[in-house]
Amino acid sequence: MPNLFSVSGYLIYFWSNENNEPIHVHVSKGRPTKHATIFWLTGDHGCILATNGSKISNHDINKLSDVISAQYEYICEKWKLYFDTEKIKFYL
């Protein structure tokens, strides 16, 4: 599973078997977990919280959402490279 970057101790990453789903990232404190928080990327260069499995505070969710949106192009490029695709499916 590729780790993309970290922010304030939170790791942002993909799971390697989810390439048939719309583009999204997992977020967890310190290391990947199977109950991570998930953000869907949207077609309008934003992101939406899908689930907060890591129980991240609302304050940190808002910060993470801003960072993920700011890194939108980087995340999309990494998705294409990792999953060897030119086409990305978006949640919205």
PDB file of N, CA and C in Angstrom:
ATOM      1  N   MET A   1       0.832  -1.164   0.000  1.00  0.00           N
ATOM      2  CA  MET A   1       0.000   0.000   0.000  1.00  0.00           C
ATOM      3  C   MET A   1       0.880   1.233   0.000  1.00  0.00           C
ATOM      4  N   PRO A   2       0.626   2.144  -0.915  1.00  0.00           N
ATOM      5  CA  PRO A   2       1.477   3.328  -0.983  1.00  0.00           C
ATOM      6  C   PRO A   2       1.093   4.395   0.041  1.00  0.00           C
ATOM      7  N   ASN A   3       2.079   4.869   0.767  1.00  0.00           N
ATOM      8  CA  ASN A   3       1.904   6.014   1.652  1.00  0.00           C
ATOM      9  C   ASN A   3       2.149   7.260   0.816  1.00  0.00           C
ATOM     10  N   LEU A   4       1.247   8.226   0.898  1.00  0.00           N
ATOM     11  CA  LEU A   4       1.365   9.433   0.095  1.00  0.00           C
ATOM     12  C   LEU A   4       2.125  10.534   0.819  1.00  0.00           C
ATOM     13  N   PHE A   5       1.697  10.845   2.040  1.00  0.00           N
ATOM     14  CA  PHE A   5       2.353  11.867   2.847  1.00  0.00           C
ATOM     15  C   PHE A   5       1.780  11.802   4.256  1.00  0.00           C
ATOM     16  N   SER A   6       2.360  12.578   5.146  1.00  0.00           N
ATOM     17  CA  SER A   6       1.829  12.647   6.510  1.00  0.00           C
ATOM     18  C   SER A   6       1.643  14.107   6.898  1.00  0.00           C
ATOM     19  N   VAL A   7       0.671  14.323   7.790  1.00  0.00           N
ATOM     20  CA  VAL A   7       0.326  15.659   8.268  1.00  0.00           C
ATOM     21  C   VAL A   7       0.043  15.559   9.756  1.00  0.00           C
ATOM     22  N   SER A   8       0.807  16.265  10.558  1.00  0.00           N
ATOM     23  CA  SER A   8       0.579  16.308  12.017  1.00  0.00           C
ATOM     24  C   SER A   8       0.436  14.915  12.625  1.00  0.00           C
ATOM     25  N   GLY A   9       1.228  13.980  12.145  1.00  0.00           N
ATOM     26  CA  GLY A   9       1.200  12.625  12.675  1.00  0.00           C
ATOM     27  C   GLY A   9       0.185  11.704  12.022  1.00  0.00           C
ATOM     28  N   TYR A  10      -0.639  12.235  11.115  1.00  0.00           N
ATOM     29  CA  TYR A  10      -1.613  11.419  10.386  1.00  0.00           C
ATOM     30  C   TYR A  10      -0.995  10.962   9.071  1.00  0.00           C
ATOM     31  N   LEU A  11      -1.131   9.686   8.769  1.00  0.00           N
ATOM     32  CA  LEU A  11      -0.625   9.111   7.531  1.00  0.00           C
ATOM     33  C   LEU A  11      -1.756   9.092   6.505  1.00  0.00           C
ATOM     34  N   ILE A  12      -1.486   9.552   5.286  1.00  0.00           N
ATOM     35  CA  ILE A  12      -2.456   9.533   4.193  1.00  0.00           C
ATOM     36  C   ILE A  12      -1.946   8.517   3.181  1.00  0.00           C
ATOM     37  N   TYR A  13      -2.813   7.564   2.804  1.00  0.00           N
ATOM     38  CA  TYR A  13      -2.362   6.439   1.983  1.00  0.00           C
ATOM     39  C   TYR A  13      -3.518   5.822   1.204  1.00  0.00           C
ATOM     40  N   PHE A  14      -3.179   4.931   0.249  1.00  0.00           N
ATOM     41  CA  PHE A  14      -4.130   4.085  -0.478  1.00  0.00           C
ATOM     42  C   PHE A  14      -3.996   2.659   0.046  1.00  0.00           C
ATOM     43  N   TRP A  15      -5.058   1.869  -0.103  1.00  0.00           N
ATOM     44  CA  TRP A  15      -4.934   0.415   0.004  1.00  0.00           C
ATOM     45  C   TRP A  15      -4.693  -0.088  -1.409  1.00  0.00           C
ATOM     46  N   SER A  16      -3.867  -1.068  -1.569  1.00  0.00           N
ATOM     47  CA  SER A  16      -3.452  -1.500  -2.904  1.00  0.00           C
ATOM     48  C   SER A  16      -4.486  -2.332  -3.653  1.00  0.00           C
ATOM     49  N   ASN A  17      -5.573  -2.726  -3.018  1.00  0.00           N
ATOM     50  CA  ASN A  17      -6.573  -3.562  -3.697  1.00  0.00           C
ATOM     51  C   ASN A  17      -7.872  -2.812  -3.973  1.00  0.00           C
ATOM     52  N   GLU A  18      -7.852  -1.490  -3.964  1.00  0.00           N
ATOM     53  CA  GLU A  18      -9.091  -0.724  -4.109  1.00  0.00           C
ATOM     54  C   GLU A  18      -9.133   0.118  -5.380  1.00  0.00           C
ATOM     55  N   ASN A  19      -8.443  -0.320  -6.408  1.00  0.00           N
ATOM     56  CA  ASN A  19      -8.380   0.448  -7.643  1.00  0.00           C
ATOM     57  C   ASN A  19      -9.682   0.460  -8.433  1.00  0.00           C
ATOM     58  N   ASN A  20     -10.637  -0.413  -8.134  1.00  0.00           N
ATOM     59  CA  ASN A  20     -11.921  -0.406  -8.832  1.00  0.00           C
ATOM     60  C   ASN A  20     -12.933   0.519  -8.173  1.00  0.00           C
ATOM     61  N   GLU A  21     -12.561   1.139  -7.080  1.00  0.00           N
ATOM     62  CA  GLU A  21     -13.433   2.084  -6.381  1.00  0.00           C
ATOM     63  C   GLU A  21     -13.123   3.499  -6.848  1.00  0.00           C
ATOM     64  N   PRO A  22     -14.046   4.442  -6.587  1.00  0.00           N
ATOM     65  CA  PRO A  22     -13.700   5.843  -6.860  1.00  0.00           C
ATOM     66  C   PRO A  22     -12.475   6.245  -6.037  1.00  0.00           C
ATOM     67  N   ILE A  23     -11.738   7.210  -6.537  1.00  0.00           N
ATOM     68  CA  ILE A  23     -10.504   7.628  -5.879  1.00  0.00           C
ATOM     69  C   ILE A  23     -10.781   8.134  -4.463  1.00  0.00           C
ATOM     70  N   HIS A  24      -9.962   7.669  -3.536  1.00  0.00           N
ATOM     71  CA  HIS A  24     -10.105   8.041  -2.131  1.00  0.00           C
ATOM     72  C   HIS A  24      -8.782   7.801  -1.416  1.00  0.00           C
ATOM     73  N   VAL A  25      -8.670   8.389  -0.242  1.00  0.00           N
ATOM     74  CA  VAL A  25      -7.500   8.165   0.602  1.00  0.00           C
ATOM     75  C   VAL A  25      -7.947   7.711   1.977  1.00  0.00           C
ATOM     76  N   HIS A  26      -7.085   6.949   2.616  1.00  0.00           N
ATOM     77  CA  HIS A  26      -7.275   6.520   3.998  1.00  0.00           C
ATOM     78  C   HIS A  26      -6.389   7.389   4.875  1.00  0.00           C
ATOM     79  N   VAL A  27      -6.859   7.670   6.088  1.00  0.00           N
ATOM     80  CA  VAL A  27      -6.108   8.504   7.026  1.00  0.00           C
ATOM     81  C   VAL A  27      -6.146   7.848   8.395  1.00  0.00           C
ATOM     82  N   SER A  28      -4.988   7.690   9.003  1.00  0.00           N
ATOM     83  CA  SER A  28      -4.923   7.157  10.370  1.00  0.00           C
ATOM     84  C   SER A  28      -3.698   7.721  11.073  1.00  0.00           C
ATOM     85  N   LYS A  29      -3.757   7.708  12.375  1.00  0.00           N
ATOM     86  CA  LYS A  29      -2.665   8.257  13.185  1.00  0.00           C
ATOM     87  C   LYS A  29      -1.509   7.261  13.224  1.00  0.00           C
ATOM     88  N   GLY A  30      -0.344   7.688  12.758  1.00  0.00           N
ATOM     89  CA  GLY A  30       0.868   6.891  12.911  1.00  0.00           C
ATOM     90  C   GLY A  30       1.107   5.791  11.908  1.00  0.00           C
ATOM     91  N   ARG A  31       0.138   4.920  11.721  1.00  0.00           N
ATOM     92  CA  ARG A  31       0.334   3.775  10.825  1.00  0.00           C
ATOM     93  C   ARG A  31      -1.002   3.361  10.216  1.00  0.00           C
ATOM     94  N   PRO A  32      -0.991   2.654   9.103  1.00  0.00           N
ATOM     95  CA  PRO A  32      -2.242   2.216   8.482  1.00  0.00           C
ATOM     96  C   PRO A  32      -3.036   1.277   9.391  1.00  0.00           C
ATOM     97  N   THR A  33      -4.345   1.419   9.360  1.00  0.00           N
ATOM     98  CA  THR A  33      -5.243   0.525  10.090  1.00  0.00           C
ATOM     99  C   THR A  33      -6.421   0.168   9.197  1.00  0.00           C
ATOM    100  N   LYS A  34      -7.045  -0.956   9.470  1.00  0.00           N
ATOM    101  CA  LYS A  34      -8.167  -1.366   8.623  1.00  0.00           C
ATOM    102  C   LYS A  34      -9.430  -0.560   8.897  1.00  0.00           C
ATOM    103  N   HIS A  35      -9.486   0.162  10.002  1.00  0.00           N
ATOM    104  CA  HIS A  35     -10.649   1.001  10.319  1.00  0.00           C
ATOM    105  C   HIS A  35     -10.305   2.478  10.195  1.00  0.00           C
ATOM    106  N   ALA A  36      -9.573   2.826   9.160  1.00  0.00           N
ATOM    107  CA  ALA A  36      -9.104   4.200   8.974  1.00  0.00           C
ATOM    108  C   ALA A  36     -10.241   5.126   8.543  1.00  0.00           C
ATOM    109  N   THR A  37     -10.004   6.396   8.723  1.00  0.00           N
ATOM    110  CA  THR A  37     -10.886   7.425   8.187  1.00  0.00           C
ATOM    111  C   THR A  37     -10.669   7.475   6.676  1.00  0.00           C
ATOM    112  N   ILE A  38     -11.749   7.724   5.927  1.00  0.00           N
ATOM    113  CA  ILE A  38     -11.670   7.742   4.462  1.00  0.00           C
ATOM    114  C   ILE A  38     -12.238   9.053   3.928  1.00  0.00           C
ATOM    115  N   PHE A  39     -11.512   9.643   2.986  1.00  0.00           N
ATOM    116  CA  PHE A  39     -11.983  10.814   2.245  1.00  0.00           C
ATOM    117  C   PHE A  39     -12.105  10.435   0.776  1.00  0.00           C
ATOM    118  N   TRP A  40     -13.287  10.691   0.165  1.00  0.00           N
ATOM    119  CA  TRP A  40     -13.461  10.545  -1.276  1.00  0.00           C
ATOM    120  C   TRP A  40     -12.986  11.829  -1.934  1.00  0.00           C
ATOM    121  N   LEU A  41     -12.289  11.735  -3.062  1.00  0.00           N
ATOM    122  CA  LEU A  41     -11.987  12.913  -3.866  1.00  0.00           C
ATOM    123  C   LEU A  41     -13.137  13.129  -4.834  1.00  0.00           C
ATOM    124  N   THR A  42     -13.473  14.382  -5.091  1.00  0.00           N
ATOM    125  CA  THR A  42     -14.595  14.709  -5.968  1.00  0.00           C
ATOM    126  C   THR A  42     -14.086  15.301  -7.279  1.00  0.00           C
ATOM    127  N   GLY A  43     -14.940  15.275  -8.279  1.00  0.00           N
ATOM    128  CA  GLY A  43     -14.565  15.779  -9.595  1.00  0.00           C
ATOM    129  C   GLY A  43     -14.331  17.277  -9.646  1.00  0.00           C
ATOM    130  N   ASP A  44     -14.751  18.004  -8.604  1.00  0.00           N
ATOM    131  CA  ASP A  44     -14.564  19.459  -8.580  1.00  0.00           C
ATOM    132  C   ASP A  44     -13.343  19.876  -7.757  1.00  0.00           C
ATOM    133  N   HIS A  45     -12.377  18.973  -7.629  1.00  0.00           N
ATOM    134  CA  HIS A  45     -11.103  19.227  -6.936  1.00  0.00           C
ATOM    135  C   HIS A  45     -11.248  19.376  -5.428  1.00  0.00           C
ATOM    136  N   GLY A  46     -12.236  18.731  -4.867  1.00  0.00           N
ATOM    137  CA  GLY A  46     -12.417  18.758  -3.421  1.00  0.00           C
ATOM    138  C   GLY A  46     -12.391  17.356  -2.855  1.00  0.00           C
ATOM    139  N   CYS A  47     -12.829  17.242  -1.617  1.00  0.00           N
ATOM    140  CA  CYS A  47     -12.940  15.930  -0.987  1.00  0.00           C
ATOM    141  C   CYS A  47     -14.115  15.940  -0.015  1.00  0.00           C
ATOM    142  N   ILE A  48     -14.618  14.752   0.266  1.00  0.00           N
ATOM    143  CA  ILE A  48     -15.754  14.555   1.163  1.00  0.00           C
ATOM    144  C   ILE A  48     -15.381  13.471   2.159  1.00  0.00           C
ATOM    145  N   LEU A  49     -15.684  13.705   3.414  1.00  0.00           N
ATOM    146  CA  LEU A  49     -15.463  12.678   4.429  1.00  0.00           C
ATOM    147  C   LEU A  49     -16.452  11.542   4.194  1.00  0.00           C
ATOM    148  N   ALA A  50     -15.943  10.333   4.005  1.00  0.00           N
ATOM    149  CA  ALA A  50     -16.794   9.158   3.804  1.00  0.00           C
ATOM    150  C   ALA A  50     -17.093   8.472   5.129  1.00  0.00           C
ATOM    151  N   THR A  51     -16.066   8.277   5.937  1.00  0.00           N
ATOM    152  CA  THR A  51     -16.222   7.634   7.235  1.00  0.00           C
ATOM    153  C   THR A  51     -15.080   8.068   8.142  1.00  0.00           C
ATOM    154  N   ASN A  52     -15.387   8.192   9.412  1.00  0.00           N
ATOM    155  CA  ASN A  52     -14.355   8.593  10.370  1.00  0.00           C
ATOM    156  C   ASN A  52     -14.024   7.417  11.280  1.00  0.00           C
ATOM    157  N   GLY A  53     -13.569   6.343  10.686  1.00  0.00           N
ATOM    158  CA  GLY A  53     -13.235   5.133  11.429  1.00  0.00           C
ATOM    159  C   GLY A  53     -12.117   5.307  12.433  1.00  0.00           C
ATOM    160  N   SER A  54     -11.248   6.289  12.207  1.00  0.00           N
ATOM    161  CA  SER A  54     -10.142   6.536  13.134  1.00  0.00           C
ATOM    162  C   SER A  54     -10.543   7.448  14.292  1.00  0.00           C
ATOM    163  N   LYS A  55     -11.797   7.918  14.270  1.00  0.00           N
ATOM    164  CA  LYS A  55     -12.303   8.794  15.351  1.00  0.00           C
ATOM    165  C   LYS A  55     -11.458  10.063  15.493  1.00  0.00           C
ATOM    166  N   ILE A  56     -11.141  10.673  14.371  1.00  0.00           N
ATOM    167  CA  ILE A  56     -10.363  11.908  14.357  1.00  0.00           C
ATOM    168  C   ILE A  56     -11.274  13.063  14.768  1.00  0.00           C
ATOM    169  N   SER A  57     -10.744  13.993  15.537  1.00  0.00           N
ATOM    170  CA  SER A  57     -11.540  15.138  16.001  1.00  0.00           C
ATOM    171  C   SER A  57     -12.015  15.982  14.815  1.00  0.00           C
ATOM    172  N   ASN A  58     -13.131  16.682  15.000  1.00  0.00           N
ATOM    173  CA  ASN A  58     -13.653  17.551  13.942  1.00  0.00           C
ATOM    174  C   ASN A  58     -12.629  18.607  13.537  1.00  0.00           C
ATOM    175  N   HIS A  59     -11.922  19.135  14.494  1.00  0.00           N
ATOM    176  CA  HIS A  59     -10.887  20.135  14.209  1.00  0.00           C
ATOM    177  C   HIS A  59      -9.836  19.563  13.260  1.00  0.00           C
ATOM    178  N   ASP A  60      -9.343  18.363  13.557  1.00  0.00           N
ATOM    179  CA  ASP A  60      -8.334  17.734  12.697  1.00  0.00           C
ATOM    180  C   ASP A  60      -8.927  17.292  11.359  1.00  0.00           C
ATOM    181  N   ILE A  61     -10.185  16.855  11.358  1.00  0.00           N
ATOM    182  CA  ILE A  61     -10.849  16.488  10.095  1.00  0.00           C
ATOM    183  C   ILE A  61     -10.863  17.689   9.160  1.00  0.00           C
ATOM    184  N   ASN A  62     -11.202  18.854   9.692  1.00  0.00           N
ATOM    185  CA  ASN A  62     -11.237  20.059   8.861  1.00  0.00           C
ATOM    186  C   ASN A  62      -9.856  20.393   8.304  1.00  0.00           C
ATOM    187  N   LYS A  63      -8.823  20.271   9.132  1.00  0.00           N
ATOM    188  CA  LYS A  63      -7.456  20.531   8.664  1.00  0.00           C
ATOM    189  C   LYS A  63      -7.044  19.517   7.598  1.00  0.00           C
ATOM    190  N   LEU A  64      -7.334  18.247   7.863  1.00  0.00           N
ATOM    191  CA  LEU A  64      -6.977  17.197   6.911  1.00  0.00           C
ATOM    192  C   LEU A  64      -7.714  17.381   5.588  1.00  0.00           C
ATOM    193  N   SER A  65      -8.969  17.762   5.653  1.00  0.00           N
ATOM    194  CA  SER A  65      -9.744  18.011   4.439  1.00  0.00           C
ATOM    195  C   SER A  65      -9.102  19.112   3.599  1.00  0.00           C
ATOM    196  N   ASP A  66      -8.657  20.177   4.259  1.00  0.00           N
ATOM    197  CA  ASP A  66      -7.986  21.270   3.548  1.00  0.00           C
ATOM    198  C   ASP A  66      -6.696  20.789   2.889  1.00  0.00           C
ATOM    199  N   VAL A  67      -5.915  19.996   3.605  1.00  0.00           N
ATOM    200  CA  VAL A  67      -4.644  19.498   3.064  1.00  0.00           C
ATOM    201  C   VAL A  67      -4.893  18.536   1.905  1.00  0.00           C
ATOM    202  N   ILE A  68      -5.845  17.636   2.060  1.00  0.00           N
ATOM    203  CA  ILE A  68      -6.149  16.675   0.993  1.00  0.00           C
ATOM    204  C   ILE A  68      -6.626  17.414  -0.255  1.00  0.00           C
ATOM    205  N   SER A  69      -7.486  18.413  -0.083  1.00  0.00           N
ATOM    206  CA  SER A  69      -7.933  19.213  -1.230  1.00  0.00           C
ATOM    207  C   SER A  69      -6.762  19.944  -1.882  1.00  0.00           C
ATOM    208  N   ALA A  70      -5.859  20.478  -1.074  1.00  0.00           N
ATOM    209  CA  ALA A  70      -4.685  21.184  -1.605  1.00  0.00           C
ATOM    210  C   ALA A  70      -3.747  20.237  -2.358  1.00  0.00           C
ATOM    211  N   GLN A  71      -3.741  18.965  -1.991  1.00  0.00           N
ATOM    212  CA  GLN A  71      -2.873  17.961  -2.622  1.00  0.00           C
ATOM    213  C   GLN A  71      -3.615  17.134  -3.675  1.00  0.00           C
ATOM    214  N   TYR A  72      -4.751  17.620  -4.119  1.00  0.00           N
ATOM    215  CA  TYR A  72      -5.633  16.911  -5.047  1.00  0.00           C
ATOM    216  C   TYR A  72      -4.885  16.395  -6.287  1.00  0.00           C
ATOM    217  N   GLU A  73      -4.171  17.277  -6.970  1.00  0.00           N
ATOM    218  CA  GLU A  73      -3.465  16.879  -8.200  1.00  0.00           C
ATOM    219  C   GLU A  73      -2.396  15.823  -7.908  1.00  0.00           C
ATOM    220  N   TYR A  74      -1.677  16.006  -6.825  1.00  0.00           N
ATOM    221  CA  TYR A  74      -0.648  15.042  -6.421  1.00  0.00           C
ATOM    222  C   TYR A  74      -1.274  13.671  -6.153  1.00  0.00           C
ATOM    223  N   ILE A  75      -2.377  13.652  -5.417  1.00  0.00           N
ATOM    224  CA  ILE A  75      -3.052  12.392  -5.094  1.00  0.00           C
ATOM    225  C   ILE A  75      -3.544  11.715  -6.369  1.00  0.00           C
ATOM    226  N   CYS A  76      -4.158  12.485  -7.268  1.00  0.00           N
ATOM    227  CA  CYS A  76      -4.649  11.909  -8.526  1.00  0.00           C
ATOM    228  C   CYS A  76      -3.508  11.321  -9.352  1.00  0.00           C
ATOM    229  N   GLU A  77      -2.404  12.029  -9.416  1.00  0.00           N
ATOM    230  CA  GLU A  77      -1.256  11.529 -10.179  1.00  0.00           C
ATOM    231  C   GLU A  77      -0.706  10.239  -9.563  1.00  0.00           C
ATOM    232  N   LYS A  78      -0.604  10.199  -8.252  1.00  0.00           N
ATOM    233  CA  LYS A  78      -0.121   8.990  -7.570  1.00  0.00           C
ATOM    234  C   LYS A  78      -1.081   7.819  -7.789  1.00  0.00           C
ATOM    235  N   TRP A  79      -2.385   8.080  -7.788  1.00  0.00           N
ATOM    236  CA  TRP A  79      -3.390   7.040  -8.047  1.00  0.00           C
ATOM    237  C   TRP A  79      -3.171   6.456  -9.443  1.00  0.00           C
ATOM    238  N   LYS A  80      -3.029   7.335 -10.434  1.00  0.00           N
ATOM    239  CA  LYS A  80      -2.818   6.879 -11.811  1.00  0.00           C
ATOM    240  C   LYS A  80      -1.554   6.034 -11.936  1.00  0.00           C
ATOM    241  N   LEU A  81      -0.480   6.505 -11.333  1.00  0.00           N
ATOM    242  CA  LEU A  81       0.783   5.769 -11.409  1.00  0.00           C
ATOM    243  C   LEU A  81       0.713   4.438 -10.675  1.00  0.00           C
ATOM    244  N   TYR A  82       0.190   4.450  -9.475  1.00  0.00           N
ATOM    245  CA  TYR A  82       0.178   3.229  -8.674  1.00  0.00           C
ATOM    246  C   TYR A  82      -0.732   2.165  -9.281  1.00  0.00           C
ATOM    247  N   PHE A  83      -1.927   2.595  -9.739  1.00  0.00           N
ATOM    248  CA  PHE A  83      -2.888   1.633 -10.274  1.00  0.00           C
ATOM    249  C   PHE A  83      -2.790   1.485 -11.791  1.00  0.00           C
ATOM    250  N   ASP A  84      -1.781   2.110 -12.399  1.00  0.00           N
ATOM    251  CA  ASP A  84      -1.507   2.000 -13.829  1.00  0.00           C
ATOM    252  C   ASP A  84      -2.763   2.256 -14.663  1.00  0.00           C
ATOM    253  N   THR A  85      -3.319   3.452 -14.486  1.00  0.00           N
ATOM    254  CA  THR A  85      -4.525   3.834 -15.206  1.00  0.00           C
ATOM    255  C   THR A  85      -4.450   5.300 -15.601  1.00  0.00           C
ATOM    256  N   GLU A  86      -5.129   5.648 -16.665  1.00  0.00           N
ATOM    257  CA  GLU A  86      -5.255   7.055 -17.059  1.00  0.00           C
ATOM    258  C   GLU A  86      -6.602   7.619 -16.626  1.00  0.00           C
ATOM    259  N   LYS A  87      -7.552   6.740 -16.368  1.00  0.00           N
ATOM    260  CA  LYS A  87      -8.911   7.172 -16.030  1.00  0.00           C
ATOM    261  C   LYS A  87      -9.147   7.019 -14.531  1.00  0.00           C
ATOM    262  N   ILE A  88      -9.689   8.063 -13.933  1.00  0.00           N
ATOM    263  CA  ILE A  88     -10.008   8.046 -12.509  1.00  0.00           C
ATOM    264  C   ILE A  88     -11.514   8.162 -12.348  1.00  0.00           C
ATOM    265  N   LYS A  89     -12.088   7.323 -11.497  1.00  0.00           N
ATOM    266  CA  LYS A  89     -13.502   7.437 -11.132  1.00  0.00           C
ATOM    267  C   LYS A  89     -13.587   8.312  -9.889  1.00  0.00           C
ATOM    268  N   PHE A  90     -14.533   9.250  -9.892  1.00  0.00           N
ATOM    269  CA  PHE A  90     -14.736  10.123  -8.742  1.00  0.00           C
ATOM    270  C   PHE A  90     -16.049   9.791  -8.052  1.00  0.00           C
ATOM    271  N   TYR A  91     -16.130  10.090  -6.760  1.00  0.00           N
ATOM    272  CA  TYR A  91     -17.346   9.853  -5.989  1.00  0.00           C
ATOM    273  C   TYR A  91     -18.481  10.721  -6.520  1.00  0.00           C
ATOM    274  N   LEU A  92     -18.211  11.984  -6.762  1.00  0.00           N
ATOM    275  CA  LEU A  92     -19.203  12.919  -7.318  1.00  0.00           C
ATOM    276  C   LEU A  92     -18.616  13.634  -8.509  1.00  0.00           C
TER     277      LEU A  92
END
